[in-house]
Amino acid sequence: QRVAKKTRVLCLDEFQVTDVADAMIIRRLLDQLWERGVTIVTTSNREPDELYKNGLNRVQFLPCIEAIKARCVVHPMESVRDYRLTGRG
């Protein structure tokens, strides 16, 4: 509640879910933030359907994936060049 009172937009960089504890915490966190009107913006190397893929008890995380797909707009950042590999100079 404290975060939602002070936050209108929450940005999460490199959003991913790697274990069952994270999956359950993230599910509750996102639900609570959305209920309080917080807008969530994330970056991720995975589309929503790929989050926590093959994870333990993933079926419990599927409602969160469906909520992400229903509430968020996914923008694929496709390019012929991977700028992470270009280096500097």
N, C-alpha and C. Protein backbone atom coordinates (compact mmCIF):
# COMPACT_ATOMS: atom_id res chain seq x y z
N GLN A 1 0.82 -1.19 0.00
CA GLN A 1 0.00 0.00 0.00
C GLN A 1 0.87 1.26 0.00
N ARG A 2 1.98 1.21 0.73
CA ARG A 2 2.84 2.40 0.80
C ARG A 2 3.41 2.74 -0.57
N VAL A 3 3.83 1.72 -1.31
CA VAL A 3 4.38 1.96 -2.65
C VAL A 3 3.30 2.55 -3.54
N ALA A 4 2.12 1.98 -3.52
CA ALA A 4 1.03 2.44 -4.39
C ALA A 4 0.60 3.87 -4.05
N LYS A 5 0.70 4.28 -2.80
CA LYS A 5 0.31 5.64 -2.42
C LYS A 5 1.23 6.69 -3.03
N LYS A 6 2.51 6.32 -3.20
CA LYS A 6 3.50 7.27 -3.68
C LYS A 6 3.86 7.07 -5.15
N THR A 7 3.33 6.04 -5.77
CA THR A 7 3.78 5.67 -7.12
C THR A 7 2.61 5.60 -8.09
N ARG A 8 2.77 6.27 -9.22
CA ARG A 8 1.76 6.18 -10.28
C ARG A 8 2.24 5.27 -11.39
N VAL A 9 3.56 5.29 -11.64
CA VAL A 9 4.17 4.44 -12.66
C VAL A 9 5.38 3.75 -12.04
N LEU A 10 5.43 2.43 -12.18
CA LEU A 10 6.55 1.65 -11.67
C LEU A 10 7.25 0.99 -12.86
N CYS A 11 8.54 1.25 -13.00
CA CYS A 11 9.33 0.69 -14.11
C CYS A 11 10.22 -0.42 -13.59
N LEU A 12 10.14 -1.58 -14.25
CA LEU A 12 10.96 -2.73 -13.88
C LEU A 12 11.80 -3.12 -15.09
N ASP A 13 13.10 -3.09 -14.95
CA ASP A 13 14.01 -3.42 -16.04
C ASP A 13 14.39 -4.90 -15.96
N GLU A 14 14.45 -5.56 -17.11
CA GLU A 14 14.83 -6.97 -17.20
C GLU A 14 13.92 -7.86 -16.36
N PHE A 15 12.63 -7.72 -16.54
CA PHE A 15 11.64 -8.49 -15.80
C PHE A 15 11.74 -9.97 -16.16
N GLN A 16 11.95 -10.80 -15.15
CA GLN A 16 11.96 -12.24 -15.36
C GLN A 16 11.56 -12.95 -14.08
N VAL A 17 11.13 -14.18 -14.22
CA VAL A 17 10.71 -14.98 -13.08
C VAL A 17 11.49 -16.29 -13.15
N THR A 18 12.28 -16.58 -12.12
CA THR A 18 13.16 -17.74 -12.19
C THR A 18 12.89 -18.84 -11.16
N ASP A 19 12.12 -18.54 -10.13
CA ASP A 19 11.82 -19.60 -9.18
C ASP A 19 10.41 -19.44 -8.62
N VAL A 20 9.94 -20.51 -7.97
CA VAL A 20 8.55 -20.56 -7.52
C VAL A 20 8.25 -19.46 -6.50
N ALA A 21 9.18 -19.15 -5.61
CA ALA A 21 8.94 -18.10 -4.61
C ALA A 21 8.77 -16.75 -5.30
N ASP A 22 9.64 -16.44 -6.25
CA ASP A 22 9.51 -15.19 -7.00
C ASP A 22 8.18 -15.13 -7.73
N ALA A 23 7.79 -16.25 -8.34
CA ALA A 23 6.53 -16.29 -9.10
C ALA A 23 5.34 -15.93 -8.22
N MET A 24 5.29 -16.48 -7.02
CA MET A 24 4.16 -16.21 -6.13
C MET A 24 4.20 -14.79 -5.59
N ILE A 25 5.38 -14.28 -5.29
CA ILE A 25 5.51 -12.90 -4.80
C ILE A 25 5.12 -11.92 -5.90
N ILE A 26 5.62 -12.13 -7.10
CA ILE A 26 5.33 -11.23 -8.22
C ILE A 26 3.85 -11.24 -8.55
N ARG A 27 3.25 -12.42 -8.51
CA ARG A 27 1.80 -12.50 -8.79
C ARG A 27 1.02 -11.62 -7.83
N ARG A 28 1.29 -11.74 -6.54
CA ARG A 28 0.57 -10.93 -5.55
C ARG A 28 0.91 -9.45 -5.67
N LEU A 29 2.18 -9.14 -5.90
CA LEU A 29 2.60 -7.75 -6.04
C LEU A 29 1.89 -7.07 -7.20
N LEU A 30 1.93 -7.69 -8.37
CA LEU A 30 1.28 -7.08 -9.54
C LEU A 30 -0.21 -6.90 -9.31
N ASP A 31 -0.87 -7.92 -8.75
CA ASP A 31 -2.30 -7.80 -8.48
C ASP A 31 -2.60 -6.61 -7.57
N GLN A 32 -1.81 -6.46 -6.51
CA GLN A 32 -2.04 -5.37 -5.57
C GLN A 32 -1.77 -4.00 -6.20
N LEU A 33 -0.72 -3.90 -6.99
CA LEU A 33 -0.41 -2.62 -7.64
C LEU A 33 -1.49 -2.25 -8.65
N TRP A 34 -1.92 -3.21 -9.45
CA TRP A 34 -2.98 -2.92 -10.43
C TRP A 34 -4.28 -2.52 -9.73
N GLU A 35 -4.62 -3.21 -8.64
CA GLU A 35 -5.85 -2.85 -7.89
C GLU A 35 -5.80 -1.42 -7.39
N ARG A 36 -4.61 -0.91 -7.14
CA ARG A 36 -4.45 0.45 -6.62
C ARG A 36 -4.14 1.47 -7.71
N GLY A 37 -4.26 1.04 -8.97
CA GLY A 37 -4.14 1.98 -10.08
C GLY A 37 -2.73 2.31 -10.53
N VAL A 38 -1.74 1.53 -10.11
CA VAL A 38 -0.36 1.78 -10.52
C VAL A 38 -0.14 1.23 -11.93
N THR A 39 0.48 2.03 -12.78
CA THR A 39 0.85 1.59 -14.12
C THR A 39 2.22 0.96 -14.05
N ILE A 40 2.37 -0.20 -14.68
CA ILE A 40 3.64 -0.93 -14.64
C ILE A 40 4.22 -0.98 -16.05
N VAL A 41 5.49 -0.58 -16.15
CA VAL A 41 6.23 -0.63 -17.41
C VAL A 41 7.44 -1.52 -17.17
N THR A 42 7.64 -2.50 -18.04
CA THR A 42 8.79 -3.40 -17.86
C THR A 42 9.54 -3.59 -19.17
N THR A 43 10.78 -4.01 -19.03
CA THR A 43 11.53 -4.55 -20.16
C THR A 43 11.79 -6.01 -19.83
N SER A 44 11.90 -6.82 -20.86
CA SER A 44 12.18 -8.24 -20.64
C SER A 44 12.68 -8.85 -21.93
N ASN A 45 13.49 -9.87 -21.80
CA ASN A 45 13.91 -10.63 -22.97
C ASN A 45 12.94 -11.76 -23.28
N ARG A 46 11.85 -11.83 -22.53
CA ARG A 46 10.86 -12.89 -22.71
C ARG A 46 9.47 -12.29 -22.88
N GLU A 47 8.70 -12.87 -23.79
CA GLU A 47 7.29 -12.51 -23.90
C GLU A 47 6.56 -13.10 -22.70
N PRO A 48 5.39 -12.58 -22.36
CA PRO A 48 4.68 -13.08 -21.17
C PRO A 48 4.52 -14.60 -21.13
N ASP A 49 4.17 -15.22 -22.24
CA ASP A 49 3.98 -16.68 -22.23
C ASP A 49 5.26 -17.45 -21.94
N GLU A 50 6.39 -16.80 -22.04
CA GLU A 50 7.68 -17.46 -21.78
C GLU A 50 8.15 -17.27 -20.33
N LEU A 51 7.44 -16.44 -19.56
CA LEU A 51 7.84 -16.21 -18.17
C LEU A 51 7.67 -17.48 -17.35
N TYR A 52 8.68 -17.80 -16.58
CA TYR A 52 8.68 -18.96 -15.68
C TYR A 52 8.35 -20.26 -16.42
N LYS A 53 8.77 -20.33 -17.66
CA LYS A 53 8.51 -21.52 -18.49
C LYS A 53 9.20 -22.73 -17.86
N ASN A 54 8.47 -23.83 -17.77
CA ASN A 54 8.92 -25.09 -17.18
C ASN A 54 9.22 -24.97 -15.69
N GLY A 55 8.72 -23.93 -15.05
CA GLY A 55 8.95 -23.75 -13.63
C GLY A 55 8.07 -24.64 -12.77
N LEU A 56 8.53 -24.90 -11.56
CA LEU A 56 7.80 -25.70 -10.59
C LEU A 56 6.46 -25.03 -10.27
N ASN A 57 5.38 -25.78 -10.35
CA ASN A 57 4.02 -25.27 -10.09
C ASN A 57 3.68 -24.07 -10.96
N ARG A 58 4.17 -24.06 -12.20
CA ARG A 58 3.91 -22.94 -13.10
C ARG A 58 2.42 -22.68 -13.27
N VAL A 59 1.63 -23.73 -13.16
CA VAL A 59 0.18 -23.56 -13.33
C VAL A 59 -0.37 -22.51 -12.37
N GLN A 60 0.26 -22.35 -11.21
CA GLN A 60 -0.19 -21.33 -10.25
C GLN A 60 0.18 -19.92 -10.70
N PHE A 61 1.14 -19.82 -11.62
CA PHE A 61 1.57 -18.51 -12.13
C PHE A 61 0.84 -18.13 -13.41
N LEU A 62 0.16 -19.08 -14.03
CA LEU A 62 -0.53 -18.79 -15.29
C LEU A 62 -1.56 -17.67 -15.19
N PRO A 63 -2.33 -17.56 -14.10
CA PRO A 63 -3.25 -16.41 -14.00
C PRO A 63 -2.52 -15.07 -14.05
N CYS A 64 -1.32 -15.03 -13.50
CA CYS A 64 -0.52 -13.79 -13.55
C CYS A 64 -0.12 -13.49 -14.99
N ILE A 65 0.29 -14.51 -15.72
CA ILE A 65 0.65 -14.33 -17.13
C ILE A 65 -0.56 -13.82 -17.91
N GLU A 66 -1.71 -14.39 -17.66
CA GLU A 66 -2.93 -13.94 -18.35
C GLU A 66 -3.26 -12.50 -17.99
N ALA A 67 -3.06 -12.13 -16.73
CA ALA A 67 -3.31 -10.73 -16.32
C ALA A 67 -2.32 -9.78 -16.99
N ILE A 68 -1.07 -10.20 -17.09
CA ILE A 68 -0.07 -9.37 -17.77
C ILE A 68 -0.50 -9.16 -19.22
N LYS A 69 -0.91 -10.22 -19.88
CA LYS A 69 -1.32 -10.10 -21.29
C LYS A 69 -2.58 -9.26 -21.44
N ALA A 70 -3.47 -9.32 -20.46
CA ALA A 70 -4.71 -8.54 -20.53
C ALA A 70 -4.50 -7.06 -20.20
N ARG A 71 -3.57 -6.76 -19.31
CA ARG A 71 -3.39 -5.39 -18.83
C ARG A 71 -2.25 -4.63 -19.47
N CYS A 72 -1.36 -5.35 -20.15
CA CYS A 72 -0.16 -4.71 -20.69
C CYS A 72 -0.11 -4.83 -22.21
N VAL A 73 0.55 -3.89 -22.82
CA VAL A 73 0.79 -3.93 -24.26
C VAL A 73 2.22 -4.40 -24.46
N VAL A 74 2.39 -5.47 -25.22
CA VAL A 74 3.72 -6.01 -25.48
C VAL A 74 4.23 -5.41 -26.78
N HIS A 75 5.40 -4.80 -26.71
CA HIS A 75 6.03 -4.22 -27.89
C HIS A 75 7.30 -4.99 -28.20
N PRO A 76 7.29 -5.85 -29.21
CA PRO A 76 8.53 -6.55 -29.57
C PRO A 76 9.55 -5.56 -30.11
N MET A 77 10.74 -5.62 -29.60
CA MET A 77 11.81 -4.73 -30.03
C MET A 77 12.73 -5.52 -30.97
N GLU A 78 12.28 -5.68 -32.18
CA GLU A 78 13.01 -6.49 -33.15
C GLU A 78 13.94 -5.63 -33.99
N SER A 79 15.11 -6.17 -34.27
CA SER A 79 16.09 -5.47 -35.07
C SER A 79 17.01 -6.51 -35.71
N VAL A 80 17.55 -6.18 -36.86
CA VAL A 80 18.50 -7.08 -37.50
C VAL A 80 19.85 -7.02 -36.79
N ARG A 81 20.05 -6.00 -35.98
CA ARG A 81 21.32 -5.82 -35.28
C ARG A 81 21.11 -5.91 -33.78
N ASP A 82 21.95 -6.67 -33.11
CA ASP A 82 21.91 -6.76 -31.65
C ASP A 82 22.90 -5.74 -31.10
N TYR A 83 22.39 -4.61 -30.64
CA TYR A 83 23.24 -3.51 -30.19
C TYR A 83 24.01 -3.83 -28.91
N ARG A 84 23.60 -4.87 -28.20
CA ARG A 84 24.36 -5.26 -27.02
C ARG A 84 25.73 -5.80 -27.38
N LEU A 85 25.90 -6.24 -28.64
CA LEU A 85 27.15 -6.85 -29.08
C LEU A 85 28.08 -5.88 -29.81
N THR A 86 27.67 -4.62 -29.95
CA THR A 86 28.46 -3.68 -30.75
C THR A 86 29.65 -3.12 -30.00
N GLY A 87 29.64 -3.08 -28.71
CA GLY A 87 30.76 -2.53 -27.94
C GLY A 87 30.85 -1.03 -28.10
N ARG A 88 31.80 -0.46 -27.42
CA ARG A 88 31.97 1.01 -27.48
C ARG A 88 33.32 1.31 -28.11
N GLY A 89 33.31 2.24 -29.05
CA GLY A 89 34.56 2.74 -29.64
C GLY A 89 35.04 1.94 -30.72
